[in-house]
Amino acid sequence: MRFLMVPLALIAVVLIFKVHGQDFTKLQFQDCGSKHITIEEVDVKPMPIINPGPASMTFVAQLKKPVTILYIDLNIIRTVSGIALPVRCYIVNGQNVGSCKYPDICAFIKDLVTDFHPDTCHP
């Protein structure tokens, strides 16, 4: 079976933590352009992120082409006092976390969230 790989790597979603003094108040994102998807919203709560502790992420996108696998090349940049600091890719409990390439984001989420249903992730 052939899988359609939407070139989400070309999107290069950049997440930026905006700093206001010492408080992280808002997650900002930038859709660097792809004709196959429009990213409408990305949000993380609570902000600032508390570690350790629970967090939730909202991701809303409009897919303009049928998709069987969601490949994501994610770059996270933290800005502190006007200095952009890239967050690297870490391996935590055998999983890539951070600015990594995710060949199948639905499988990645399924490993992290026990009550996740991948049938609702794939269109």
Protein backbone atom coordinates (compact mmCIF):
# COMPACT_ATOMS: atom_id res chain seq x y z
CA MET A 1 0.00 0.00 0.00
CA ARG A 2 1.30 3.39 -0.91
CA PHE A 3 1.17 6.15 1.65
CA LEU A 4 0.70 9.74 0.71
CA MET A 5 3.26 11.81 2.58
CA VAL A 6 2.12 15.41 2.71
CA PRO A 7 5.27 17.51 2.58
CA LEU A 8 4.71 18.97 6.01
CA ALA A 9 8.47 19.19 6.34
CA LEU A 10 8.23 22.09 3.90
CA ILE A 11 5.94 23.89 6.28
CA ALA A 12 8.63 24.13 8.95
CA VAL A 13 6.31 25.14 11.73
CA VAL A 14 8.17 27.40 14.10
CA LEU A 15 6.98 27.69 17.67
CA ILE A 16 8.16 30.72 19.59
CA PHE A 17 7.79 31.32 23.30
CA LYS A 18 7.34 35.08 23.65
CA VAL A 19 8.96 36.60 26.70
CA HIS A 20 7.43 39.54 28.55
CA GLY A 21 9.90 40.27 31.32
CA GLN A 22 10.34 36.89 32.97
CA ASP A 23 6.79 35.63 32.25
CA PHE A 24 5.93 33.27 29.41
CA THR A 25 2.40 34.35 28.56
CA LYS A 26 1.61 33.19 25.03
CA LEU A 27 2.68 30.53 22.57
CA GLN A 28 3.09 32.00 19.10
CA PHE A 29 3.39 30.04 15.86
CA GLN A 30 4.15 30.70 12.25
CA ASP A 31 2.95 28.71 9.24
CA CYS A 32 5.83 29.04 6.79
CA GLY A 33 3.61 28.10 3.87
CA SER A 34 2.30 24.89 2.36
CA LYS A 35 -0.35 24.56 -0.30
CA HIS A 36 -1.62 21.32 1.28
CA ILE A 37 -2.39 22.54 4.80
CA THR A 38 -3.33 25.76 6.57
CA ILE A 39 -2.45 25.93 10.25
CA GLU A 40 -5.09 28.03 11.99
CA GLU A 41 -4.30 27.69 15.70
CA VAL A 42 -1.66 26.30 18.03
CA ASP A 43 -2.01 26.81 21.77
CA VAL A 44 -0.49 25.33 24.93
CA LYS A 45 -1.98 25.55 28.42
CA PRO A 46 -0.99 26.33 31.09
CA MET A 47 1.31 29.16 30.12
CA PRO A 48 3.88 29.36 31.49
CA ILE A 49 4.42 25.62 31.18
CA ILE A 50 4.95 24.02 34.58
CA ASN A 51 7.36 21.08 34.70
CA PRO A 52 6.58 18.57 36.05
CA GLY A 53 2.88 18.90 35.53
CA PRO A 54 0.07 18.34 33.05
CA ALA A 55 -0.22 20.41 29.88
CA SER A 56 -2.58 20.43 26.94
CA MET A 57 -1.96 21.45 23.33
CA THR A 58 -4.56 22.55 20.80
CA PHE A 59 -3.71 22.23 17.12
CA VAL A 60 -6.23 23.26 14.45
CA ALA A 61 -5.40 22.88 10.77
CA GLN A 62 -7.26 22.74 7.49
CA LEU A 63 -6.12 19.84 5.27
CA LYS A 64 -6.55 20.50 1.56
CA LYS A 65 -5.53 17.05 0.34
CA PRO A 66 -6.22 13.47 1.55
CA VAL A 67 -3.65 12.34 4.11
CA THR A 68 -2.73 8.87 5.38
CA ILE A 69 0.39 9.76 7.39
CA LEU A 70 1.13 13.07 9.09
CA TYR A 71 4.88 13.78 8.86
CA ILE A 72 6.01 16.80 10.86
CA ASP A 73 9.40 18.54 10.98
CA LEU A 74 9.11 20.66 14.12
CA ASN A 75 11.46 23.50 15.08
CA ILE A 76 11.00 25.05 18.52
CA ILE A 77 12.72 28.33 19.29
CA ARG A 78 12.65 29.91 22.74
CA THR A 79 13.27 33.65 22.79
CA VAL A 80 14.82 34.97 26.01
CA SER A 81 15.64 38.68 26.36
CA GLY A 82 15.50 39.06 22.59
CA ILE A 83 17.90 36.15 21.95
CA ALA A 84 16.50 33.24 19.90
CA LEU A 85 17.58 29.92 21.41
CA PRO A 86 16.77 26.74 19.47
CA VAL A 87 15.42 23.83 21.49
CA ARG A 88 17.10 20.63 20.32
CA CYS A 89 15.62 17.18 19.85
CA TYR A 90 15.81 15.06 23.01
CA ILE A 91 15.20 11.34 23.47
CA VAL A 92 13.00 10.72 26.52
CA ASN A 93 12.00 7.13 27.35
CA GLY A 94 12.80 6.10 23.77
CA GLN A 95 10.71 8.92 22.21
CA ASN A 96 11.91 12.00 20.37
CA VAL A 97 10.74 15.19 22.10
CA GLY A 98 11.35 18.79 21.04
CA SER A 99 12.64 20.07 17.69
CA CYS A 100 12.50 16.71 15.92
CA LYS A 101 11.24 15.03 12.79
CA TYR A 102 8.12 13.01 13.49
CA PRO A 103 7.50 10.53 10.62
CA ASP A 104 3.98 9.65 11.89
CA ILE A 105 2.63 12.11 14.47
CA CYS A 106 -0.48 9.99 15.11
CA ALA A 107 1.65 6.98 16.15
CA PHE A 108 3.75 9.29 18.34
CA ILE A 109 0.65 10.66 20.10
CA LYS A 110 -0.78 7.15 20.51
CA ASP A 111 2.37 6.13 22.42
CA LEU A 112 2.04 9.14 24.75
CA VAL A 113 -1.71 9.27 25.36
CA THR A 114 -3.38 6.05 26.48
CA ASP A 115 -6.93 7.08 25.53
CA PHE A 116 -5.96 8.43 22.08
CA HIS A 117 -7.89 6.97 19.14
CA PRO A 118 -5.79 7.14 15.94
CA ASP A 119 -8.87 6.47 13.81
CA THR A 120 -9.90 10.06 14.59
CA CYS A 121 -6.43 11.38 13.72
CA HIS A 122 -6.18 9.92 10.23
CA PRO A 123 -8.86 11.29 7.89
